All heavy atoms as atom14 arrays in JSON, in Angstrom:
{
  "sequence": "GMNKFATDAPVMIVISEGSYNKTASLGSKVKNNDYRSIDIG",
  "atom14_mask": [
    [1, 1, 1, 1, 0, 0, 0, 0, 0, 0, 0, 0, 0, 0],
    [1, 1, 1, 1, 1, 1, 1, 1, 0, 0, 0, 0, 0, 0],
    [1, 1, 1, 1, 1, 1, 1, 1, 0, 0, 0, 0, 0, 0],
    [1, 1, 1, 1, 1, 1, 1, 1, 1, 0, 0, 0, 0, 0],
    [1, 1, 1, 1, 1, 1, 1, 1, 1, 1, 1, 0, 0, 0],
    [1, 1, 1, 1, 1, 0, 0, 0, 0, 0, 0, 0, 0, 0],
    [1, 1, 1, 1, 1, 1, 1, 0, 0, 0, 0, 0, 0, 0],
    [1, 1, 1, 1, 1, 1, 1, 1, 0, 0, 0, 0, 0, 0],
    [1, 1, 1, 1, 1, 0, 0, 0, 0, 0, 0, 0, 0, 0],
    [1, 1, 1, 1, 1, 1, 1, 0, 0, 0, 0, 0, 0, 0],
    [1, 1, 1, 1, 1, 1, 1, 0, 0, 0, 0, 0, 0, 0],
    [1, 1, 1, 1, 1, 1, 1, 1, 0, 0, 0, 0, 0, 0],
    [1, 1, 1, 1, 1, 1, 1, 1, 0, 0, 0, 0, 0, 0],
    [1, 1, 1, 1, 1, 1, 1, 0, 0, 0, 0, 0, 0, 0],
    [1, 1, 1, 1, 1, 1, 1, 1, 0, 0, 0, 0, 0, 0],
    [1, 1, 1, 1, 1, 1, 0, 0, 0, 0, 0, 0, 0, 0],
    [1, 1, 1, 1, 1, 1, 1, 1, 1, 0, 0, 0, 0, 0],
    [1, 1, 1, 1, 0, 0, 0, 0, 0, 0, 0, 0, 0, 0],
    [1, 1, 1, 1, 1, 1, 0, 0, 0, 0, 0, 0, 0, 0],
    [1, 1, 1, 1, 1, 1, 1, 1, 1, 1, 1, 1, 0, 0],
    [1, 1, 1, 1, 1, 1, 1, 1, 0, 0, 0, 0, 0, 0],
    [1, 1, 1, 1, 1, 1, 1, 1, 1, 0, 0, 0, 0, 0],
    [1, 1, 1, 1, 1, 1, 1, 0, 0, 0, 0, 0, 0, 0],
    [1, 1, 1, 1, 1, 0, 0, 0, 0, 0, 0, 0, 0, 0],
    [1, 1, 1, 1, 1, 1, 0, 0, 0, 0, 0, 0, 0, 0],
    [1, 1, 1, 1, 1, 1, 1, 1, 0, 0, 0, 0, 0, 0],
    [1, 1, 1, 1, 0, 0, 0, 0, 0, 0, 0, 0, 0, 0],
    [1, 1, 1, 1, 1, 1, 0, 0, 0, 0, 0, 0, 0, 0],
    [1, 1, 1, 1, 1, 1, 1, 1, 1, 0, 0, 0, 0, 0],
    [1, 1, 1, 1, 1, 1, 1, 0, 0, 0, 0, 0, 0, 0],
    [1, 1, 1, 1, 1, 1, 1, 1, 1, 0, 0, 0, 0, 0],
    [1, 1, 1, 1, 1, 1, 1, 1, 0, 0, 0, 0, 0, 0],
    [1, 1, 1, 1, 1, 1, 1, 1, 0, 0, 0, 0, 0, 0],
    [1, 1, 1, 1, 1, 1, 1, 1, 0, 0, 0, 0, 0, 0],
    [1, 1, 1, 1, 1, 1, 1, 1, 1, 1, 1, 1, 0, 0],
    [1, 1, 1, 1, 1, 1, 1, 1, 1, 1, 1, 0, 0, 0],
    [1, 1, 1, 1, 1, 1, 0, 0, 0, 0, 0, 0, 0, 0],
    [1, 1, 1, 1, 1, 1, 1, 1, 0, 0, 0, 0, 0, 0],
    [1, 1, 1, 1, 1, 1, 1, 1, 0, 0, 0, 0, 0, 0],
    [1, 1, 1, 1, 1, 1, 1, 1, 0, 0, 0, 0, 0, 0],
    [1, 1, 1, 1, 0, 0, 0, 0, 0, 0, 0, 0, 0, 0]
  ],
  "atom14_positions": [
    [[0.77, -1.24, 0.0], [0.0, 0.0, 0.0], [0.8, 1.28, 0.0], [0.24, 2.36, 0.18], [0.0, 0.0, 0.0], [0.0, 0.0, 0.0], [0.0, 0.0, 0.0], [0.0, 0.0, 0.0], [0.0, 0.0, 0.0], [0.0, 0.0, 0.0], [0.0, 0.0, 0.0], [0.0, 0.0, 0.0], [0.0, 0.0, 0.0], [0.0, 0.0, 0.0]],
    [[2.09, 1.19, -0.23], [2.95, 2.38, -0.2], [2.89, 3.14, -1.54], [2.61, 2.58, -2.59], [4.39, 1.97, 0.08], [4.6, 1.32, 1.43], [4.44, 2.47, 2.79], [5.99, 3.35, 2.63], [0.0, 0.0, 0.0], [0.0, 0.0, 0.0], [0.0, 0.0, 0.0], [0.0, 0.0, 0.0], [0.0, 0.0, 0.0], [0.0, 0.0, 0.0]],
    [[3.19, 4.43, -1.46], [3.45, 5.28, -2.63], [2.35, 5.23, -3.7], [2.64, 5.27, -4.91], [4.8, 4.91, -3.26], [5.95, 5.01, -2.3], [6.0, 5.91, -1.48], [6.88, 4.05, -2.37], [0.0, 0.0, 0.0], [0.0, 0.0, 0.0], [0.0, 0.0, 0.0], [0.0, 0.0, 0.0], [0.0, 0.0, 0.0], [0.0, 0.0, 0.0]],
    [[1.09, 5.2, -3.3], [0.01, 5.13, -4.28], [0.01, 6.32, -5.22], [-0.39, 6.22, -6.38], [-1.33, 5.02, -3.54], [-1.52, 3.71, -2.8], [-2.88, 3.66, -2.1], [-3.07, 2.33, -1.37], [-4.38, 2.27, -0.67], [0.0, 0.0, 0.0], [0.0, 0.0, 0.0], [0.0, 0.0, 0.0], [0.0, 0.0, 0.0], [0.0, 0.0, 0.0]],
    [[0.44, 7.46, -4.74], [0.46, 8.69, -5.54], [1.39, 8.6, -6.74], [1.25, 9.34, -7.72], [0.91, 9.88, -4.68], [2.34, 9.78, -4.21], [3.37, 10.3, -4.97], [2.65, 9.13, -3.02], [4.69, 10.2, -4.54], [3.96, 9.02, -2.6], [4.98, 9.54, -3.37], [0.0, 0.0, 0.0], [0.0, 0.0, 0.0], [0.0, 0.0, 0.0]],
    [[2.37, 7.69, -6.69], [3.38, 7.61, -7.75], [2.77, 7.29, -9.11], [3.34, 7.64, -10.16], [4.44, 6.56, -7.4], [0.0, 0.0, 0.0], [0.0, 0.0, 0.0], [0.0, 0.0, 0.0], [0.0, 0.0, 0.0], [0.0, 0.0, 0.0], [0.0, 0.0, 0.0], [0.0, 0.0, 0.0], [0.0, 0.0, 0.0], [0.0, 0.0, 0.0]],
    [[1.61, 6.66, -9.12], [0.93, 6.32, -10.38], [0.67, 7.56, -11.22], [0.71, 7.49, -12.46], [-0.4, 5.6, -10.08], [-0.14, 4.42, -9.32], [-1.12, 5.22, -11.37], [0.0, 0.0, 0.0], [0.0, 0.0, 0.0], [0.0, 0.0, 0.0], [0.0, 0.0, 0.0], [0.0, 0.0, 0.0], [0.0, 0.0, 0.0], [0.0, 0.0, 0.0]],
    [[0.43, 8.7, -10.58], [0.09, 9.92, -11.31], [1.31, 10.71, -11.78], [1.16, 11.68, -12.53], [-0.79, 10.82, -10.44], [-2.18, 10.24, -10.24], [-2.65, 9.5, -11.12], [-2.8, 10.52, -9.19], [0.0, 0.0, 0.0], [0.0, 0.0, 0.0], [0.0, 0.0, 0.0], [0.0, 0.0, 0.0], [0.0, 0.0, 0.0], [0.0, 0.0, 0.0]],
    [[2.49, 10.34, -11.33], [3.69, 11.07, -11.75], [4.03, 10.7, -13.2], [4.22, 9.52, -13.51], [4.87, 10.73, -10.84], [0.0, 0.0, 0.0], [0.0, 0.0, 0.0], [0.0, 0.0, 0.0], [0.0, 0.0, 0.0], [0.0, 0.0, 0.0], [0.0, 0.0, 0.0], [0.0, 0.0, 0.0], [0.0, 0.0, 0.0], [0.0, 0.0, 0.0]],
    [[4.1, 11.67, -14.09], [4.36, 11.35, -15.5], [5.78, 10.88, -15.77], [6.05, 10.27, -16.8], [4.07, 12.67, -16.22], [4.23, 13.72, -15.18], [3.83, 13.1, -13.88], [0.0, 0.0, 0.0], [0.0, 0.0, 0.0], [0.0, 0.0, 0.0], [0.0, 0.0, 0.0], [0.0, 0.0, 0.0], [0.0, 0.0, 0.0], [0.0, 0.0, 0.0]],
    [[6.7, 11.17, -14.84], [8.1, 10.75, -15.02], [8.6, 10.1, -13.74], [8.33, 10.58, -12.63], [9.01, 11.96, -15.35], [10.47, 11.5, -15.53], [8.53, 12.67, -16.61], [0.0, 0.0, 0.0], [0.0, 0.0, 0.0], [0.0, 0.0, 0.0], [0.0, 0.0, 0.0], [0.0, 0.0, 0.0], [0.0, 0.0, 0.0], [0.0, 0.0, 0.0]],
    [[9.3, 9.0, -13.9], [9.98, 8.33, -12.79], [11.46, 8.26, -13.15], [11.82, 7.78, -14.23], [9.43, 6.92, -12.57], [7.94, 6.84, -12.33], [7.41, 7.48, -10.72], [7.93, 6.14, -9.64], [0.0, 0.0, 0.0], [0.0, 0.0, 0.0], [0.0, 0.0, 0.0], [0.0, 0.0, 0.0], [0.0, 0.0, 0.0], [0.0, 0.0, 0.0]],
    [[12.3, 8.76, -12.26], [13.75, 8.7, -12.5], [14.34, 7.65, -11.55], [14.24, 7.78, -10.33], [14.41, 10.07, -12.27], [13.82, 11.09, -13.26], [15.93, 9.96, -12.46], [14.36, 12.5, -13.09], [0.0, 0.0, 0.0], [0.0, 0.0, 0.0], [0.0, 0.0, 0.0], [0.0, 0.0, 0.0], [0.0, 0.0, 0.0], [0.0, 0.0, 0.0]],
    [[14.9, 6.62, -12.15], [15.49, 5.53, -11.39], [16.99, 5.79, -11.26], [17.69, 6.02, -12.26], [15.26, 4.18, -12.1], [15.97, 3.05, -11.37], [13.76, 3.9, -12.2], [0.0, 0.0, 0.0], [0.0, 0.0, 0.0], [0.0, 0.0, 0.0], [0.0, 0.0, 0.0], [0.0, 0.0, 0.0], [0.0, 0.0, 0.0], [0.0, 0.0, 0.0]],
    [[17.48, 5.77, -10.01], [18.91, 6.02, -9.76], [19.54, 4.72, -9.29], [19.19, 4.18, -8.24], [19.09, 7.12, -8.7], [18.32, 8.37, -9.11], [20.59, 7.44, -8.53], [18.28, 9.45, -8.06], [0.0, 0.0, 0.0], [0.0, 0.0, 0.0], [0.0, 0.0, 0.0], [0.0, 0.0, 0.0], [0.0, 0.0, 0.0], [0.0, 0.0, 0.0]],
    [[20.44, 4.21, -10.12], [21.09, 2.94, -9.82], [22.58, 3.15, -9.6], [23.14, 4.21, -9.92], [20.87, 1.94, -10.96], [21.28, 2.47, -12.2], [0.0, 0.0, 0.0], [0.0, 0.0, 0.0], [0.0, 0.0, 0.0], [0.0, 0.0, 0.0], [0.0, 0.0, 0.0], [0.0, 0.0, 0.0], [0.0, 0.0, 0.0], [0.0, 0.0, 0.0]],
    [[23.21, 2.13, -9.04], [24.64, 2.21, -8.76], [25.46, 2.21, -10.05], [25.13, 1.54, -11.02], [25.09, 1.04, -7.9], [24.61, 1.09, -6.48], [25.21, -0.01, -5.63], [26.02, -0.81, -6.15], [24.88, -0.08, -4.43], [0.0, 0.0, 0.0], [0.0, 0.0, 0.0], [0.0, 0.0, 0.0], [0.0, 0.0, 0.0], [0.0, 0.0, 0.0]],
    [[26.56, 2.98, -10.03], [27.55, 2.95, -11.08], [28.88, 2.53, -10.48], [28.98, 2.27, -9.27], [0.0, 0.0, 0.0], [0.0, 0.0, 0.0], [0.0, 0.0, 0.0], [0.0, 0.0, 0.0], [0.0, 0.0, 0.0], [0.0, 0.0, 0.0], [0.0, 0.0, 0.0], [0.0, 0.0, 0.0], [0.0, 0.0, 0.0], [0.0, 0.0, 0.0]],
    [[29.89, 2.48, -11.3], [31.2, 2.02, -10.84], [32.0, 3.16, -10.23], [31.94, 4.3, -10.68], [31.99, 1.41, -12.0], [31.3, 0.32, -12.56], [0.0, 0.0, 0.0], [0.0, 0.0, 0.0], [0.0, 0.0, 0.0], [0.0, 0.0, 0.0], [0.0, 0.0, 0.0], [0.0, 0.0, 0.0], [0.0, 0.0, 0.0], [0.0, 0.0, 0.0]],
    [[32.76, 2.84, -9.18], [33.77, 3.76, -8.67], [34.9, 3.88, -9.68], [35.16, 2.95, -10.47], [34.42, 3.18, -7.4], [33.67, 3.35, -6.11], [33.52, 2.28, -5.25], [33.18, 4.58, -5.71], [32.88, 2.41, -4.02], [32.54, 4.73, -4.49], [32.39, 3.65, -3.66], [31.76, 3.79, -2.46], [0.0, 0.0, 0.0], [0.0, 0.0, 0.0]],
    [[35.65, 4.99, -9.64], [36.95, 4.98, -10.29], [37.96, 4.39, -9.3], [37.62, 4.11, -8.14], [37.37, 6.37, -10.8], [37.44, 7.4, -9.69], [37.65, 7.08, -8.52], [37.28, 8.68, -10.05], [0.0, 0.0, 0.0], [0.0, 0.0, 0.0], [0.0, 0.0, 0.0], [0.0, 0.0, 0.0], [0.0, 0.0, 0.0], [0.0, 0.0, 0.0]],
    [[39.17, 4.15, -9.73], [40.15, 3.44, -8.89], [40.44, 4.17, -7.59], [40.57, 3.56, -6.52], [41.43, 3.21, -9.68], [41.29, 2.21, -10.81], [42.61, 2.0, -11.53], [42.44, 1.0, -12.67], [43.73, 0.79, -13.4], [0.0, 0.0, 0.0], [0.0, 0.0, 0.0], [0.0, 0.0, 0.0], [0.0, 0.0, 0.0], [0.0, 0.0, 0.0]],
    [[40.54, 5.5, -7.67], [40.88, 6.29, -6.48], [39.77, 6.22, -5.43], [40.02, 6.0, -4.24], [41.15, 7.76, -6.85], [42.05, 7.81, -7.94], [41.73, 8.52, -5.68], [0.0, 0.0, 0.0], [0.0, 0.0, 0.0], [0.0, 0.0, 0.0], [0.0, 0.0, 0.0], [0.0, 0.0, 0.0], [0.0, 0.0, 0.0], [0.0, 0.0, 0.0]],
    [[38.53, 6.39, -5.87], [37.41, 6.34, -4.94], [37.23, 4.94, -4.37], [36.91, 4.78, -3.19], [36.13, 6.79, -5.65], [0.0, 0.0, 0.0], [0.0, 0.0, 0.0], [0.0, 0.0, 0.0], [0.0, 0.0, 0.0], [0.0, 0.0, 0.0], [0.0, 0.0, 0.0], [0.0, 0.0, 0.0], [0.0, 0.0, 0.0], [0.0, 0.0, 0.0]],
    [[37.46, 3.94, -5.2], [37.34, 2.55, -4.74], [38.35, 2.26, -3.64], [38.01, 1.67, -2.6], [37.55, 1.59, -5.91], [37.48, 0.25, -5.48], [0.0, 0.0, 0.0], [0.0, 0.0, 0.0], [0.0, 0.0, 0.0], [0.0, 0.0, 0.0], [0.0, 0.0, 0.0], [0.0, 0.0, 0.0], [0.0, 0.0, 0.0], [0.0, 0.0, 0.0]],
    [[39.59, 2.69, -3.85], [40.63, 2.48, -2.86], [40.31, 3.24, -1.57], [40.4, 2.7, -0.46], [41.98, 2.93, -3.41], [43.18, 2.83, -2.45], [43.41, 1.37, -2.04], [44.44, 3.41, -3.1], [0.0, 0.0, 0.0], [0.0, 0.0, 0.0], [0.0, 0.0, 0.0], [0.0, 0.0, 0.0], [0.0, 0.0, 0.0], [0.0, 0.0, 0.0]],
    [[39.92, 4.5, -1.7], [39.6, 5.32, -0.53], [38.45, 4.74, 0.27], [38.48, 4.75, 1.51], [0.0, 0.0, 0.0], [0.0, 0.0, 0.0], [0.0, 0.0, 0.0], [0.0, 0.0, 0.0], [0.0, 0.0, 0.0], [0.0, 0.0, 0.0], [0.0, 0.0, 0.0], [0.0, 0.0, 0.0], [0.0, 0.0, 0.0], [0.0, 0.0, 0.0]],
    [[37.45, 4.22, -0.42], [36.3, 3.63, 0.27], [36.7, 2.42, 1.11], [36.24, 2.25, 2.23], [35.24, 3.22, -0.77], [34.12, 2.65, -0.14], [0.0, 0.0, 0.0], [0.0, 0.0, 0.0], [0.0, 0.0, 0.0], [0.0, 0.0, 0.0], [0.0, 0.0, 0.0], [0.0, 0.0, 0.0], [0.0, 0.0, 0.0], [0.0, 0.0, 0.0]],
    [[37.6, 1.62, 0.55], [38.05, 0.42, 1.27], [38.96, 0.79, 2.44], [38.82, 0.25, 3.55], [38.79, -0.52, 0.31], [37.87, -1.16, -0.73], [38.67, -1.97, -1.74], [37.76, -2.57, -2.8], [38.52, -3.29, -3.85], [0.0, 0.0, 0.0], [0.0, 0.0, 0.0], [0.0, 0.0, 0.0], [0.0, 0.0, 0.0], [0.0, 0.0, 0.0]],
    [[39.9, 1.7, 2.21], [40.86, 2.06, 3.24], [40.17, 2.75, 4.42], [40.46, 2.48, 5.59], [41.97, 2.98, 2.66], [42.84, 3.55, 3.77], [42.83, 2.21, 1.66], [0.0, 0.0, 0.0], [0.0, 0.0, 0.0], [0.0, 0.0, 0.0], [0.0, 0.0, 0.0], [0.0, 0.0, 0.0], [0.0, 0.0, 0.0], [0.0, 0.0, 0.0]],
    [[39.23, 3.65, 4.11], [38.56, 4.42, 5.16], [37.24, 3.79, 5.61], [36.57, 4.32, 6.49], [38.3, 5.86, 4.69], [39.56, 6.61, 4.23], [40.67, 6.58, 5.26], [40.34, 7.34, 6.52], [41.47, 7.34, 7.49], [0.0, 0.0, 0.0], [0.0, 0.0, 0.0], [0.0, 0.0, 0.0], [0.0, 0.0, 0.0], [0.0, 0.0, 0.0]],
    [[36.89, 2.67, 5.0], [35.65, 1.97, 5.35], [34.46, 2.93, 5.32], [33.66, 3.01, 6.27], [35.77, 1.31, 6.73], [34.62, 0.35, 7.01], [34.08, -0.25, 6.08], [34.27, 0.2, 8.28], [0.0, 0.0, 0.0], [0.0, 0.0, 0.0], [0.0, 0.0, 0.0], [0.0, 0.0, 0.0], [0.0, 0.0, 0.0], [0.0, 0.0, 0.0]],
    [[34.35, 3.66, 4.22], [33.31, 4.67, 4.07], [32.58, 4.45, 2.75], [33.22, 4.32, 1.7], [33.93, 6.07, 4.11], [32.91, 7.14, 4.46], [31.71, 6.92, 4.33], [33.38, 8.29, 4.91], [0.0, 0.0, 0.0], [0.0, 0.0, 0.0], [0.0, 0.0, 0.0], [0.0, 0.0, 0.0], [0.0, 0.0, 0.0], [0.0, 0.0, 0.0]],
    [[31.27, 4.38, 2.8], [30.46, 4.11, 1.61], [30.27, 5.39, 0.8], [29.22, 6.02, 0.83], [29.11, 3.53, 2.04], [28.24, 3.15, 0.86], [28.72, 3.17, -0.29], [27.05, 2.86, 1.1], [0.0, 0.0, 0.0], [0.0, 0.0, 0.0], [0.0, 0.0, 0.0], [0.0, 0.0, 0.0], [0.0, 0.0, 0.0], [0.0, 0.0, 0.0]],
    [[31.31, 5.77, 0.05], [31.25, 7.0, -0.73], [30.13, 6.97, -1.76], [29.53, 7.99, -2.08], [32.58, 7.25, -1.45], [33.76, 7.49, -0.55], [35.03, 7.01, -0.9], [33.64, 8.18, 0.64], [36.13, 7.23, -0.09], [34.74, 8.41, 1.46], [35.98, 7.93, 1.09], [37.07, 8.14, 1.9], [0.0, 0.0, 0.0], [0.0, 0.0, 0.0]],
    [[29.85, 5.79, -2.31], [28.83, 5.69, -3.36], [27.46, 6.18, -2.86], [26.79, 6.96, -3.53], [28.72, 4.26, -3.87], [27.71, 4.11, -5.01], [27.53, 2.66, -5.44], [28.65, 2.2, -6.24], [29.53, 1.28, -5.85], [29.43, 0.74, -4.64], [30.5, 0.9, -6.64], [0.0, 0.0, 0.0], [0.0, 0.0, 0.0], [0.0, 0.0, 0.0]],
    [[27.09, 5.74, -1.67], [25.8, 6.16, -1.12], [25.77, 7.66, -0.89], [24.75, 8.33, -1.13], [25.51, 5.43, 0.2], [25.3, 4.06, -0.03], [0.0, 0.0, 0.0], [0.0, 0.0, 0.0], [0.0, 0.0, 0.0], [0.0, 0.0, 0.0], [0.0, 0.0, 0.0], [0.0, 0.0, 0.0], [0.0, 0.0, 0.0], [0.0, 0.0, 0.0]],
    [[26.88, 8.2, -0.4], [26.97, 9.64, -0.18], [26.82, 10.39, -1.5], [26.04, 11.36, -1.61], [28.32, 10.0, 0.49], [28.41, 9.37, 1.87], [28.49, 11.52, 0.57], [29.79, 9.44, 2.5], [0.0, 0.0, 0.0], [0.0, 0.0, 0.0], [0.0, 0.0, 0.0], [0.0, 0.0, 0.0], [0.0, 0.0, 0.0], [0.0, 0.0, 0.0]],
    [[27.52, 9.93, -2.52], [27.48, 10.6, -3.83], [26.1, 10.54, -4.46], [25.63, 11.51, -5.07], [28.51, 9.96, -4.77], [29.94, 10.14, -4.31], [30.19, 11.05, -3.49], [30.81, 9.37, -4.75], [0.0, 0.0, 0.0], [0.0, 0.0, 0.0], [0.0, 0.0, 0.0], [0.0, 0.0, 0.0], [0.0, 0.0, 0.0], [0.0, 0.0, 0.0]],
    [[25.43, 9.4, -4.32], [24.07, 9.27, -4.86], [23.13, 10.23, -4.14], [22.27, 10.86, -4.76], [23.59, 7.81, -4.75], [24.34, 6.94, -5.77], [22.08, 7.71, -4.99], [24.09, 5.45, -5.63], [0.0, 0.0, 0.0], [0.0, 0.0, 0.0], [0.0, 0.0, 0.0], [0.0, 0.0, 0.0], [0.0, 0.0, 0.0], [0.0, 0.0, 0.0]],
    [[23.3, 10.36, -2.83], [22.47, 11.29, -2.07], [22.67, 12.73, -2.5], [21.71, 13.49, -2.66], [0.0, 0.0, 0.0], [0.0, 0.0, 0.0], [0.0, 0.0, 0.0], [0.0, 0.0, 0.0], [0.0, 0.0, 0.0], [0.0, 0.0, 0.0], [0.0, 0.0, 0.0], [0.0, 0.0, 0.0], [0.0, 0.0, 0.0], [0.0, 0.0, 0.0]]
  ]
}
């Protein structure tokens, strides 16, 4: 029963994960920080 109003929205934009570049991938692992989620937000 969630989001019933969405039916009336003429456009839906779906945001999916993309790939890190090498620097961001390394930084995310070393610092244990989910940069991807931050960037998507």
